[in-house]
Amino acid sequence: MANDGVNAMSRAKFYEVMRRFEESLIGVTGRAMLPQEDELISPEDDRERCAKALDALSAVWMLDPRDLMKLQELTRRCLELLAQGDVNAALFAAKDVELHLIEVRERARTAKEK
């Protein structure tokens, strides 16, 4: 019974870290569309912050490792596109990340219900 409480706390932390990663990804892509002089944080620092959020999520990942590898690959691609200045392609890449996370959550929810 106590183990269920630990698992619930672990799941809660996992989903909180996932939410922070998503916020970081949304922020980095959204800020990339703004004029550079309006930025309080450099694009490089912004991308680094997003990469660190992905690292934090990777550290607490508790689902299928293949999903994590795909998430890492999709996120790196998005950040590379941003670094190259291809904001439109990066926005599509960020959407791919979001869709993947939706699929991951749905599979986790379905598995939990079984």
PDB file of N, CA and C in Angstrom:
ATOM      1  N   MET A   1       0.812  -1.185   0.000  1.00  0.00           N
ATOM      2  CA  MET A   1       0.000   0.000   0.000  1.00  0.00           C
ATOM      3  C   MET A   1       0.866   1.264   0.000  1.00  0.00           C
ATOM      4  N   ALA A   2       1.914   1.279   0.815  1.00  0.00           N
ATOM      5  CA  ALA A   2       2.817   2.434   0.873  1.00  0.00           C
ATOM      6  C   ALA A   2       3.503   2.647  -0.464  1.00  0.00           C
ATOM      7  N   ASN A   3       3.792   1.560  -1.154  1.00  0.00           N
ATOM      8  CA  ASN A   3       4.430   1.647  -2.463  1.00  0.00           C
ATOM      9  C   ASN A   3       3.542   2.381  -3.462  1.00  0.00           C
ATOM     10  N   ASP A   4       2.210   2.232  -3.340  1.00  0.00           N
ATOM     11  CA  ASP A   4       1.293   2.946  -4.219  1.00  0.00           C
ATOM     12  C   ASP A   4       1.431   4.455  -4.031  1.00  0.00           C
ATOM     13  N   GLY A   5       1.628   4.881  -2.795  1.00  0.00           N
ATOM     14  CA  GLY A   5       1.823   6.300  -2.521  1.00  0.00           C
ATOM     15  C   GLY A   5       3.099   6.826  -3.147  1.00  0.00           C
ATOM     16  N   VAL A   6       4.169   6.029  -3.060  1.00  0.00           N
ATOM     17  CA  VAL A   6       5.446   6.416  -3.679  1.00  0.00           C
ATOM     18  C   VAL A   6       5.283   6.489  -5.183  1.00  0.00           C
ATOM     19  N   ASN A   7       4.617   5.491  -5.769  1.00  0.00           N
ATOM     20  CA  ASN A   7       4.404   5.488  -7.214  1.00  0.00           C
ATOM     21  C   ASN A   7       3.559   6.674  -7.652  1.00  0.00           C
ATOM     22  N   ALA A   8       2.538   6.999  -6.873  1.00  0.00           N
ATOM     23  CA  ALA A   8       1.692   8.145  -7.205  1.00  0.00           C
ATOM     24  C   ALA A   8       2.496   9.441  -7.146  1.00  0.00           C
ATOM     25  N   MET A   9       3.367   9.563  -6.129  1.00  0.00           N
ATOM     26  CA  MET A   9       4.221  10.753  -6.030  1.00  0.00           C
ATOM     27  C   MET A   9       5.197  10.801  -7.194  1.00  0.00           C
ATOM     28  N   SER A  10       5.760   9.658  -7.556  1.00  0.00           N
ATOM     29  CA  SER A  10       6.688   9.603  -8.681  1.00  0.00           C
ATOM     30  C   SER A  10       5.992   9.988  -9.974  1.00  0.00           C
ATOM     31  N   ARG A  11       4.784   9.479 -10.163  1.00  0.00           N
ATOM     32  CA  ARG A  11       4.021   9.826 -11.363  1.00  0.00           C
ATOM     33  C   ARG A  11       3.697  11.308 -11.374  1.00  0.00           C
ATOM     34  N   ALA A  12       3.310  11.837 -10.230  1.00  0.00           N
ATOM     35  CA  ALA A  12       2.988  13.264 -10.154  1.00  0.00           C
ATOM     36  C   ALA A  12       4.208  14.111 -10.497  1.00  0.00           C
ATOM     37  N   LYS A  13       5.367  13.736  -9.964  1.00  0.00           N
ATOM     38  CA  LYS A  13       6.598  14.470 -10.275  1.00  0.00           C
ATOM     39  C   LYS A  13       6.920  14.352 -11.756  1.00  0.00           C
ATOM     40  N   PHE A  14       6.793  13.148 -12.292  1.00  0.00           N
ATOM     41  CA  PHE A  14       7.063  12.909 -13.716  1.00  0.00           C
ATOM     42  C   PHE A  14       6.207  13.820 -14.586  1.00  0.00           C
ATOM     43  N   TYR A  15       4.908  13.871 -14.313  1.00  0.00           N
ATOM     44  CA  TYR A  15       4.019  14.689 -15.142  1.00  0.00           C
ATOM     45  C   TYR A  15       4.247  16.180 -14.927  1.00  0.00           C
ATOM     46  N   GLU A  16       4.677  16.574 -13.740  1.00  0.00           N
ATOM     47  CA  GLU A  16       5.026  17.973 -13.496  1.00  0.00           C
ATOM     48  C   GLU A  16       6.274  18.359 -14.301  1.00  0.00           C
ATOM     49  N   VAL A  17       7.275  17.488 -14.319  1.00  0.00           N
ATOM     50  CA  VAL A  17       8.496  17.759 -15.093  1.00  0.00           C
ATOM     51  C   VAL A  17       8.162  17.778 -16.582  1.00  0.00           C
ATOM     52  N   MET A  18       7.261  16.899 -17.004  1.00  0.00           N
ATOM     53  CA  MET A  18       6.839  16.895 -18.406  1.00  0.00           C
ATOM     54  C   MET A  18       6.149  18.212 -18.761  1.00  0.00           C
ATOM     55  N   ARG A  19       5.308  18.697 -17.869  1.00  0.00           N
ATOM     56  CA  ARG A  19       4.615  19.966 -18.104  1.00  0.00           C
ATOM     57  C   ARG A  19       5.615  21.119 -18.228  1.00  0.00           C
ATOM     58  N   ARG A  20       6.619  21.120 -17.354  1.00  0.00           N
ATOM     59  CA  ARG A  20       7.639  22.182 -17.422  1.00  0.00           C
ATOM     60  C   ARG A  20       8.420  22.103 -18.727  1.00  0.00           C
ATOM     61  N   PHE A  21       8.708  20.886 -19.191  1.00  0.00           N
ATOM     62  CA  PHE A  21       9.389  20.724 -20.479  1.00  0.00           C
ATOM     63  C   PHE A  21       8.525  21.309 -21.597  1.00  0.00           C
ATOM     64  N   GLU A  22       7.249  20.974 -21.588  1.00  0.00           N
ATOM     65  CA  GLU A  22       6.345  21.489 -22.619  1.00  0.00           C
ATOM     66  C   GLU A  22       6.287  23.013 -22.598  1.00  0.00           C
ATOM     67  N   GLU A  23       6.218  23.587 -21.417  1.00  0.00           N
ATOM     68  CA  GLU A  23       6.208  25.047 -21.303  1.00  0.00           C
ATOM     69  C   GLU A  23       7.482  25.650 -21.877  1.00  0.00           C
ATOM     70  N   SER A  24       8.596  24.996 -21.619  1.00  0.00           N
ATOM     71  CA  SER A  24       9.869  25.479 -22.133  1.00  0.00           C
ATOM     72  C   SER A  24       9.905  25.412 -23.654  1.00  0.00           C
ATOM     73  N   LEU A  25       9.407  24.319 -24.208  1.00  0.00           N
ATOM     74  CA  LEU A  25       9.382  24.160 -25.671  1.00  0.00           C
ATOM     75  C   LEU A  25       8.466  25.188 -26.309  1.00  0.00           C
ATOM     76  N   ILE A  26       7.296  25.399 -25.718  1.00  0.00           N
ATOM     77  CA  ILE A  26       6.366  26.403 -26.237  1.00  0.00           C
ATOM     78  C   ILE A  26       7.004  27.790 -26.156  1.00  0.00           C
ATOM     79  N   GLY A  27       7.677  28.059 -25.052  1.00  0.00           N
ATOM     80  CA  GLY A  27       8.320  29.361 -24.879  1.00  0.00           C
ATOM     81  C   GLY A  27       9.427  29.616 -25.882  1.00  0.00           C
ATOM     82  N   VAL A  28      10.280  28.627 -26.071  1.00  0.00           N
ATOM     83  CA  VAL A  28      11.415  28.827 -26.979  1.00  0.00           C
ATOM     84  C   VAL A  28      10.940  29.020 -28.418  1.00  0.00           C
ATOM     85  N   THR A  29       9.931  28.290 -28.834  1.00  0.00           N
ATOM     86  CA  THR A  29       9.443  28.457 -30.202  1.00  0.00           C
ATOM     87  C   THR A  29       8.650  29.749 -30.344  1.00  0.00           C
ATOM     88  N   GLY A  30       7.873  30.096 -29.321  1.00  0.00           N
ATOM     89  CA  GLY A  30       7.113  31.339 -29.379  1.00  0.00           C
ATOM     90  C   GLY A  30       8.008  32.563 -29.404  1.00  0.00           C
ATOM     91  N   ARG A  31       9.029  32.551 -28.559  1.00  0.00           N
ATOM     92  CA  ARG A  31       9.945  33.696 -28.519  1.00  0.00           C
ATOM     93  C   ARG A  31      10.782  33.802 -29.781  1.00  0.00           C
ATOM     94  N   ALA A  32      10.973  32.699 -30.483  1.00  0.00           N
ATOM     95  CA  ALA A  32      11.749  32.733 -31.726  1.00  0.00           C
ATOM     96  C   ALA A  32      11.035  33.543 -32.808  1.00  0.00           C
ATOM     97  N   MET A  33       9.734  33.710 -32.655  1.00  0.00           N
ATOM     98  CA  MET A  33       8.967  34.473 -33.654  1.00  0.00           C
ATOM     99  C   MET A  33       9.005  35.973 -33.383  1.00  0.00           C
ATOM    100  N   LEU A  34       9.491  36.379 -32.200  1.00  0.00           N
ATOM    101  CA  LEU A  34       9.532  37.795 -31.840  1.00  0.00           C
ATOM    102  C   LEU A  34      10.795  38.448 -32.381  1.00  0.00           C
ATOM    103  N   PRO A  35      10.746  39.755 -32.604  1.00  0.00           N
ATOM    104  CA  PRO A  35      11.966  40.459 -33.005  1.00  0.00           C
ATOM    105  C   PRO A  35      13.045  40.309 -31.932  1.00  0.00           C
ATOM    106  N   GLN A  36      14.263  40.140 -32.355  1.00  0.00           N
ATOM    107  CA  GLN A  36      15.383  39.876 -31.457  1.00  0.00           C
ATOM    108  C   GLN A  36      15.553  40.939 -30.380  1.00  0.00           C
ATOM    109  N   GLU A  37      15.348  42.195 -30.697  1.00  0.00           N
ATOM    110  CA  GLU A  37      15.581  43.255 -29.719  1.00  0.00           C
ATOM    111  C   GLU A  37      14.565  43.242 -28.575  1.00  0.00           C
ATOM    112  N   ASP A  38      13.460  42.540 -28.750  1.00  0.00           N
ATOM    113  CA  ASP A  38      12.448  42.447 -27.693  1.00  0.00           C
ATOM    114  C   ASP A  38      12.758  41.355 -26.672  1.00  0.00           C
ATOM    115  N   GLU A  39      13.792  40.608 -26.903  1.00  0.00           N
ATOM    116  CA  GLU A  39      14.085  39.452 -26.053  1.00  0.00           C
ATOM    117  C   GLU A  39      14.830  39.837 -24.773  1.00  0.00           C
ATOM    118  N   LEU A  40      14.408  39.241 -23.670  1.00  0.00           N
ATOM    119  CA  LEU A  40      15.111  39.407 -22.407  1.00  0.00           C
ATOM    120  C   LEU A  40      16.164  38.312 -22.235  1.00  0.00           C
ATOM    121  N   ILE A  41      16.010  37.231 -22.976  1.00  0.00           N
ATOM    122  CA  ILE A  41      16.934  36.100 -22.925  1.00  0.00           C
ATOM    123  C   ILE A  41      17.412  35.839 -24.347  1.00  0.00           C
ATOM    124  N   SER A  42      18.678  35.495 -24.478  1.00  0.00           N
ATOM    125  CA  SER A  42      19.205  35.251 -25.821  1.00  0.00           C
ATOM    126  C   SER A  42      18.615  33.961 -26.379  1.00  0.00           C
ATOM    127  N   PRO A  43      18.509  33.856 -27.697  1.00  0.00           N
ATOM    128  CA  PRO A  43      18.001  32.616 -28.298  1.00  0.00           C
ATOM    129  C   PRO A  43      18.837  31.392 -27.891  1.00  0.00           C
ATOM    130  N   GLU A  44      20.136  31.588 -27.744  1.00  0.00           N
ATOM    131  CA  GLU A  44      21.006  30.475 -27.347  1.00  0.00           C
ATOM    132  C   GLU A  44      20.674  30.010 -25.926  1.00  0.00           C
ATOM    133  N   ASP A  45      20.503  30.979 -25.033  1.00  0.00           N
ATOM    134  CA  ASP A  45      20.140  30.639 -23.653  1.00  0.00           C
ATOM    135  C   ASP A  45      18.760  29.994 -23.585  1.00  0.00           C
ATOM    136  N   ASP A  46      17.862  30.463 -24.414  1.00  0.00           N
ATOM    137  CA  ASP A  46      16.515  29.910 -24.460  1.00  0.00           C
ATOM    138  C   ASP A  46      16.550  28.446 -24.913  1.00  0.00           C
ATOM    139  N   ARG A  47      17.323  28.175 -25.965  1.00  0.00           N
ATOM    140  CA  ARG A  47      17.450  26.790 -26.441  1.00  0.00           C
ATOM    141  C   ARG A  47      18.122  25.916 -25.392  1.00  0.00           C
ATOM    142  N   GLU A  48      19.110  26.465 -24.695  1.00  0.00           N
ATOM    143  CA  GLU A  48      19.795  25.722 -23.631  1.00  0.00           C
ATOM    144  C   GLU A  48      18.831  25.403 -22.491  1.00  0.00           C
ATOM    145  N   ARG A  49      17.993  26.340 -22.154  1.00  0.00           N
ATOM    146  CA  ARG A  49      16.992  26.125 -21.103  1.00  0.00           C
ATOM    147  C   ARG A  49      16.041  24.985 -21.497  1.00  0.00           C
ATOM    148  N   CYS A  50      15.639  24.955 -22.751  1.00  0.00           N
ATOM    149  CA  CYS A  50      14.756  23.893 -23.229  1.00  0.00           C
ATOM    150  C   CYS A  50      15.488  22.544 -23.205  1.00  0.00           C
ATOM    151  N   ALA A  51      16.742  22.524 -23.611  1.00  0.00           N
ATOM    152  CA  ALA A  51      17.529  21.282 -23.578  1.00  0.00           C
ATOM    153  C   ALA A  51      17.664  20.778 -22.138  1.00  0.00           C
ATOM    154  N   LYS A  52      17.855  21.693 -21.187  1.00  0.00           N
ATOM    155  CA  LYS A  52      17.950  21.292 -19.779  1.00  0.00           C
ATOM    156  C   LYS A  52      16.622  20.744 -19.268  1.00  0.00           C
ATOM    157  N   ALA A  53      15.515  21.318 -19.730  1.00  0.00           N
ATOM    158  CA  ALA A  53      14.196  20.804 -19.341  1.00  0.00           C
ATOM    159  C   ALA A  53      14.006  19.387 -19.886  1.00  0.00           C
ATOM    160  N   LEU A  54      14.509  19.138 -21.097  1.00  0.00           N
ATOM    161  CA  LEU A  54      14.449  17.787 -21.661  1.00  0.00           C
ATOM    162  C   LEU A  54      15.325  16.840 -20.849  1.00  0.00           C
ATOM    163  N   ASP A  55      16.496  17.295 -20.437  1.00  0.00           N
ATOM    164  CA  ASP A  55      17.369  16.461 -19.591  1.00  0.00           C
ATOM    165  C   ASP A  55      16.689  16.114 -18.272  1.00  0.00           C
ATOM    166  N   ALA A  56      16.005  17.091 -17.687  1.00  0.00           N
ATOM    167  CA  ALA A  56      15.301  16.850 -16.422  1.00  0.00           C
ATOM    168  C   ALA A  56      14.185  15.820 -16.617  1.00  0.00           C
ATOM    169  N   LEU A  57      13.478  15.935 -17.726  1.00  0.00           N
ATOM    170  CA  LEU A  57      12.429  14.962 -18.014  1.00  0.00           C
ATOM    171  C   LEU A  57      13.029  13.584 -18.258  1.00  0.00           C
ATOM    172  N   SER A  58      14.134  13.530 -18.966  1.00  0.00           N
ATOM    173  CA  SER A  58      14.811  12.250 -19.230  1.00  0.00           C
ATOM    174  C   SER A  58      15.218  11.574 -17.925  1.00  0.00           C
ATOM    175  N   ALA A  59      15.623  12.361 -16.945  1.00  0.00           N
ATOM    176  CA  ALA A  59      16.090  11.815 -15.668  1.00  0.00           C
ATOM    177  C   ALA A  59      14.968  11.153 -14.868  1.00  0.00           C
ATOM    178  N   VAL A  60      13.731  11.594 -15.063  1.00  0.00           N
ATOM    179  CA  VAL A  60      12.616  11.017 -14.306  1.00  0.00           C
ATOM    180  C   VAL A  60      11.692  10.163 -15.176  1.00  0.00           C
ATOM    181  N   TRP A  61      12.086   9.926 -16.429  1.00  0.00           N
ATOM    182  CA  TRP A  61      11.236   9.197 -17.376  1.00  0.00           C
ATOM    183  C   TRP A  61      10.873   7.831 -16.816  1.00  0.00           C
ATOM    184  N   MET A  62       9.579   7.502 -16.848  1.00  0.00           N
ATOM    185  CA  MET A  62       9.123   6.241 -16.268  1.00  0.00           C
ATOM    186  C   MET A  62       8.269   5.432 -17.242  1.00  0.00           C
ATOM    187  N   LEU A  63       8.262   5.843 -18.504  1.00  0.00           N
ATOM    188  CA  LEU A  63       7.477   5.138 -19.509  1.00  0.00           C
ATOM    189  C   LEU A  63       8.414   4.392 -20.459  1.00  0.00           C
ATOM    190  N   ASP A  64       7.898   3.966 -21.577  1.00  0.00           N
ATOM    191  CA  ASP A  64       8.679   3.201 -22.550  1.00  0.00           C
ATOM    192  C   ASP A  64       9.918   3.994 -22.983  1.00  0.00           C
ATOM    193  N   PRO A  65      11.102   3.404 -22.846  1.00  0.00           N
ATOM    194  CA  PRO A  65      12.336   4.111 -23.234  1.00  0.00           C
ATOM    195  C   PRO A  65      12.361   4.519 -24.709  1.00  0.00           C
ATOM    196  N   ARG A  66      11.667   3.776 -25.548  1.00  0.00           N
ATOM    197  CA  ARG A  66      11.615   4.133 -26.984  1.00  0.00           C
ATOM    198  C   ARG A  66      10.900   5.472 -27.170  1.00  0.00           C
ATOM    199  N   ASP A  67       9.895   5.721 -26.344  1.00  0.00           N
ATOM    200  CA  ASP A  67       9.201   7.012 -26.423  1.00  0.00           C
ATOM    201  C   ASP A  67      10.120   8.148 -26.013  1.00  0.00           C
ATOM    202  N   LEU A  68      10.960   7.908 -25.020  1.00  0.00           N
ATOM    203  CA  LEU A  68      11.922   8.923 -24.602  1.00  0.00           C
ATOM    204  C   LEU A  68      12.927   9.193 -25.721  1.00  0.00           C
ATOM    205  N   MET A  69      13.426   8.146 -26.347  1.00  0.00           N
ATOM    206  CA  MET A  69      14.390   8.343 -27.442  1.00  0.00           C
ATOM    207  C   MET A  69      13.767   9.149 -28.574  1.00  0.00           C
ATOM    208  N   LYS A  70      12.520   8.846 -28.902  1.00  0.00           N
ATOM    209  CA  LYS A  70      11.834   9.602 -29.956  1.00  0.00           C
ATOM    210  C   LYS A  70      11.634  11.051 -29.533  1.00  0.00           C
ATOM    211  N   LEU A  71      11.255  11.264 -28.278  1.00  0.00           N
ATOM    212  CA  LEU A  71      11.075  12.621 -27.771  1.00  0.00           C
ATOM    213  C   LEU A  71      12.380  13.407 -27.852  1.00  0.00           C
ATOM    214  N   GLN A  72      13.473  12.785 -27.446  1.00  0.00           N
ATOM    215  CA  GLN A  72      14.777  13.446 -27.506  1.00  0.00           C
ATOM    216  C   GLN A  72      15.136  13.805 -28.949  1.00  0.00           C
ATOM    217  N   GLU A  73      14.897  12.875 -29.856  1.00  0.00           N
ATOM    218  CA  GLU A  73      15.206  13.104 -31.270  1.00  0.00           C
ATOM    219  C   GLU A  73      14.366  14.252 -31.836  1.00  0.00           C
ATOM    220  N   LEU A  74      13.077  14.235 -31.565  1.00  0.00           N
ATOM    221  CA  LEU A  74      12.193  15.292 -32.069  1.00  0.00           C
ATOM    222  C   LEU A  74      12.556  16.655 -31.483  1.00  0.00           C
ATOM    223  N   THR A  75      12.875  16.681 -30.205  1.00  0.00           N
ATOM    224  CA  THR A  75      13.226  17.948 -29.558  1.00  0.00           C
ATOM    225  C   THR A  75      14.549  18.488 -30.090  1.00  0.00           C
ATOM    226  N   ARG A  76      15.524  17.614 -30.230  1.00  0.00           N
ATOM    227  CA  ARG A  76      16.821  18.069 -30.780  1.00  0.00           C
ATOM    228  C   ARG A  76      16.643  18.653 -32.174  1.00  0.00           C
ATOM    229  N   ARG A  77      15.796  18.013 -32.974  1.00  0.00           N
ATOM    230  CA  ARG A  77      15.547  18.513 -34.330  1.00  0.00           C
ATOM    231  C   ARG A  77      14.933  19.910 -34.267  1.00  0.00           C
ATOM    232  N   CYS A  78      13.979  20.103 -33.393  1.00  0.00           N
ATOM    233  CA  CYS A  78      13.345  21.411 -33.239  1.00  0.00           C
ATOM    234  C   CYS A  78      14.371  22.468 -32.831  1.00  0.00           C
ATOM    235  N   LEU A  79      15.204  22.132 -31.852  1.00  0.00           N
ATOM    236  CA  LEU A  79      16.216  23.089 -31.384  1.00  0.00           C
ATOM    237  C   LEU A  79      17.261  23.374 -32.459  1.00  0.00           C
ATOM    238  N   GLU A  80      17.612  22.365 -33.248  1.00  0.00           N
ATOM    239  CA  GLU A  80      18.551  22.582 -34.361  1.00  0.00           C
ATOM    240  C   GLU A  80      17.960  23.538 -35.388  1.00  0.00           C
ATOM    241  N   LEU A  81      16.690  23.351 -35.707  1.00  0.00           N
ATOM    242  CA  LEU A  81      16.032  24.243 -36.665  1.00  0.00           C
ATOM    243  C   LEU A  81      15.989  25.671 -36.139  1.00  0.00           C
ATOM    244  N   LEU A  82      15.731  25.817 -34.855  1.00  0.00           N
ATOM    245  CA  LEU A  82      15.752  27.157 -34.267  1.00  0.00           C
ATOM    246  C   LEU A  82      17.146  27.765 -34.358  1.00  0.00           C
ATOM    247  N   ALA A  83      18.167  26.967 -34.073  1.00  0.00           N
ATOM    248  CA  ALA A  83      19.546  27.460 -34.135  1.00  0.00           C
ATOM    249  C   ALA A  83      19.907  27.890 -35.557  1.00  0.00           C
ATOM    250  N   GLN A  84      19.322  27.222 -36.538  1.00  0.00           N
ATOM    251  CA  GLN A  84      19.575  27.565 -37.943  1.00  0.00           C
ATOM    252  C   GLN A  84      18.729  28.749 -38.406  1.00  0.00           C
ATOM    253  N   GLY A  85      17.816  29.193 -37.542  1.00  0.00           N
ATOM    254  CA  GLY A  85      16.959  30.326 -37.888  1.00  0.00           C
ATOM    255  C   GLY A  85      15.738  29.950 -38.718  1.00  0.00           C
ATOM    256  N   ASP A  86      15.449  28.675 -38.853  1.00  0.00           N
ATOM    257  CA  ASP A  86      14.290  28.209 -39.618  1.00  0.00           C
ATOM    258  C   ASP A  86      13.098  28.062 -38.672  1.00  0.00           C
ATOM    259  N   VAL A  87      12.508  29.197 -38.321  1.00  0.00           N
ATOM    260  CA  VAL A  87      11.456  29.235 -37.309  1.00  0.00           C
ATOM    261  C   VAL A  87      10.221  28.464 -37.766  1.00  0.00           C
ATOM    262  N   ASN A  88       9.832  28.603 -39.032  1.00  0.00           N
ATOM    263  CA  ASN A  88       8.638  27.904 -39.503  1.00  0.00           C
ATOM    264  C   ASN A  88       8.795  26.392 -39.373  1.00  0.00           C
ATOM    265  N   ALA A  89       9.925  25.865 -39.805  1.00  0.00           N
ATOM    266  CA  ALA A  89      10.164  24.418 -39.684  1.00  0.00           C
ATOM    267  C   ALA A  89      10.234  24.012 -38.217  1.00  0.00           C
ATOM    268  N   ALA A  90      10.810  24.871 -37.382  1.00  0.00           N
ATOM    269  CA  ALA A  90      10.903  24.575 -35.945  1.00  0.00           C
ATOM    270  C   ALA A  90       9.515  24.505 -35.315  1.00  0.00           C
ATOM    271  N   LEU A  91       8.605  25.359 -35.759  1.00  0.00           N
ATOM    272  CA  LEU A  91       7.241  25.320 -35.234  1.00  0.00           C
ATOM    273  C   LEU A  91       6.567  23.991 -35.582  1.00  0.00           C
ATOM    274  N   PHE A  92       6.782  23.507 -36.799  1.00  0.00           N
ATOM    275  CA  PHE A  92       6.235  22.199 -37.171  1.00  0.00           C
ATOM    276  C   PHE A  92       6.891  21.088 -36.356  1.00  0.00           C
ATOM    277  N   ALA A  93       8.196  21.210 -36.132  1.00  0.00           N
ATOM    278  CA  ALA A  93       8.912  20.208 -35.331  1.00  0.00           C
ATOM    279  C   ALA A  93       8.398  20.218 -33.888  1.00  0.00           C
ATOM    280  N   ALA A  94       8.121  21.399 -33.349  1.00  0.00           N
ATOM    281  CA  ALA A  94       7.578  21.500 -31.994  1.00  0.00           C
ATOM    282  C   ALA A  94       6.193  20.859 -31.934  1.00  0.00           C
ATOM    283  N   LYS A  95       5.425  21.021 -32.990  1.00  0.00           N
ATOM    284  CA  LYS A  95       4.102  20.378 -33.043  1.00  0.00           C
ATOM    285  C   LYS A  95       4.262  18.856 -33.035  1.00  0.00           C
ATOM    286  N   ASP A  96       5.281  18.342 -33.720  1.00  0.00           N
ATOM    287  CA  ASP A  96       5.554  16.897 -33.696  1.00  0.00           C
ATOM    288  C   ASP A  96       5.867  16.430 -32.275  1.00  0.00           C
ATOM    289  N   VAL A  97       6.615  17.246 -31.530  1.00  0.00           N
ATOM    290  CA  VAL A  97       6.927  16.916 -30.131  1.00  0.00           C
ATOM    291  C   VAL A  97       5.630  16.860 -29.325  1.00  0.00           C
ATOM    292  N   GLU A  98       4.789  17.870 -29.481  1.00  0.00           N
ATOM    293  CA  GLU A  98       3.525  17.922 -28.746  1.00  0.00           C
ATOM    294  C   GLU A  98       2.638  16.714 -29.082  1.00  0.00           C
ATOM    295  N   LEU A  99       2.551  16.379 -30.358  1.00  0.00           N
ATOM    296  CA  LEU A  99       1.737  15.225 -30.759  1.00  0.00           C
ATOM    297  C   LEU A  99       2.284  13.933 -30.160  1.00  0.00           C
ATOM    298  N   HIS A 100       3.599  13.814 -30.131  1.00  0.00           N
ATOM    299  CA  HIS A 100       4.208  12.626 -29.535  1.00  0.00           C
ATOM    300  C   HIS A 100       3.875  12.545 -28.045  1.00  0.00           C
ATOM    301  N   LEU A 101       3.945  13.662 -27.353  1.00  0.00           N
ATOM    302  CA  LEU A 101       3.624  13.663 -25.925  1.00  0.00           C
ATOM    303  C   LEU A 101       2.153  13.322 -25.679  1.00  0.00           C
ATOM    304  N   ILE A 102       1.278  13.774 -26.553  1.00  0.00           N
ATOM    305  CA  ILE A 102      -0.141  13.417 -26.438  1.00  0.00           C
ATOM    306  C   ILE A 102      -0.300  11.906 -26.584  1.00  0.00           C
ATOM    307  N   GLU A 103       0.387  11.322 -27.570  1.00  0.00           N
ATOM    308  CA  GLU A 103       0.323   9.871 -27.774  1.00  0.00           C
ATOM    309  C   GLU A 103       0.869   9.122 -26.563  1.00  0.00           C
ATOM    310  N   VAL A 104       1.984   9.594 -26.021  1.00  0.00           N
ATOM    311  CA  VAL A 104       2.602   8.958 -24.853  1.00  0.00           C
ATOM    312  C   VAL A 104       1.642   8.995 -23.664  1.00  0.00           C
ATOM    313  N   ARG A 105       1.045  10.153 -23.424  1.00  0.00           N
ATOM    314  CA  ARG A 105       0.090  10.270 -22.309  1.00  0.00           C
ATOM    315  C   ARG A 105      -1.111   9.351 -22.504  1.00  0.00           C
ATOM    316  N   GLU A 106      -1.596   9.283 -23.721  1.00  0.00           N
ATOM    317  CA  GLU A 106      -2.760   8.441 -23.997  1.00  0.00           C
ATOM    318  C   GLU A 106      -2.430   6.964 -23.767  1.00  0.00           C
ATOM    319  N   ARG A 107      -1.264   6.537 -24.229  1.00  0.00           N
ATOM    320  CA  ARG A 107      -0.855   5.133 -23.992  1.00  0.00           C
ATOM    321  C   ARG A 107      -0.685   4.871 -22.496  1.00  0.00           C
ATOM    322  N   ALA A 108      -0.126   5.814 -21.779  1.00  0.00           N
ATOM    323  CA  ALA A 108       0.066   5.645 -20.330  1.00  0.00           C
ATOM    324  C   ALA A 108      -1.290   5.589 -19.619  1.00  0.00           C
ATOM    325  N   ARG A 109      -2.204   6.435 -20.018  1.00  0.00           N
ATOM    326  CA  ARG A 109      -3.540   6.433 -19.410  1.00  0.00           C
ATOM    327  C   ARG A 109      -4.249   5.117 -19.692  1.00  0.00           C
ATOM    328  N   THR A 110      -4.171   4.647 -20.929  1.00  0.00           N
ATOM    329  CA  THR A 110      -4.808   3.387 -21.313  1.00  0.00           C
ATOM    330  C   THR A 110      -4.208   2.228 -20.548  1.00  0.00           C
ATOM    331  N   ALA A 111      -2.891   2.222 -20.412  1.00  0.00           N
ATOM    332  CA  ALA A 111      -2.214   1.131 -19.686  1.00  0.00           C
ATOM    333  C   ALA A 111      -2.598   1.148 -18.207  1.00  0.00           C
ATOM    334  N   LYS A 112      -2.756   2.327 -17.636  1.00  0.00           N
ATOM    335  CA  LYS A 112      -3.113   2.459 -16.229  1.00  0.00           C
ATOM    336  C   LYS A 112      -4.527   1.933 -15.975  1.00  0.00           C
ATOM    337  N   GLU A 113      -5.408   2.118 -16.958  1.00  0.00           N
ATOM    338  CA  GLU A 113      -6.796   1.686 -16.808  1.00  0.00           C
ATOM    339  C   GLU A 113      -6.948   0.167 -16.888  1.00  0.00           C
ATOM    340  N   LYS A 114      -5.992  -0.487 -17.506  1.00  0.00           N
ATOM    341  CA  LYS A 114      -6.082  -1.949 -17.671  1.00  0.00           C
ATOM    342  C   LYS A 114      -5.827  -2.698 -16.408  1.00  0.00           C
TER     343      LYS A 114
END
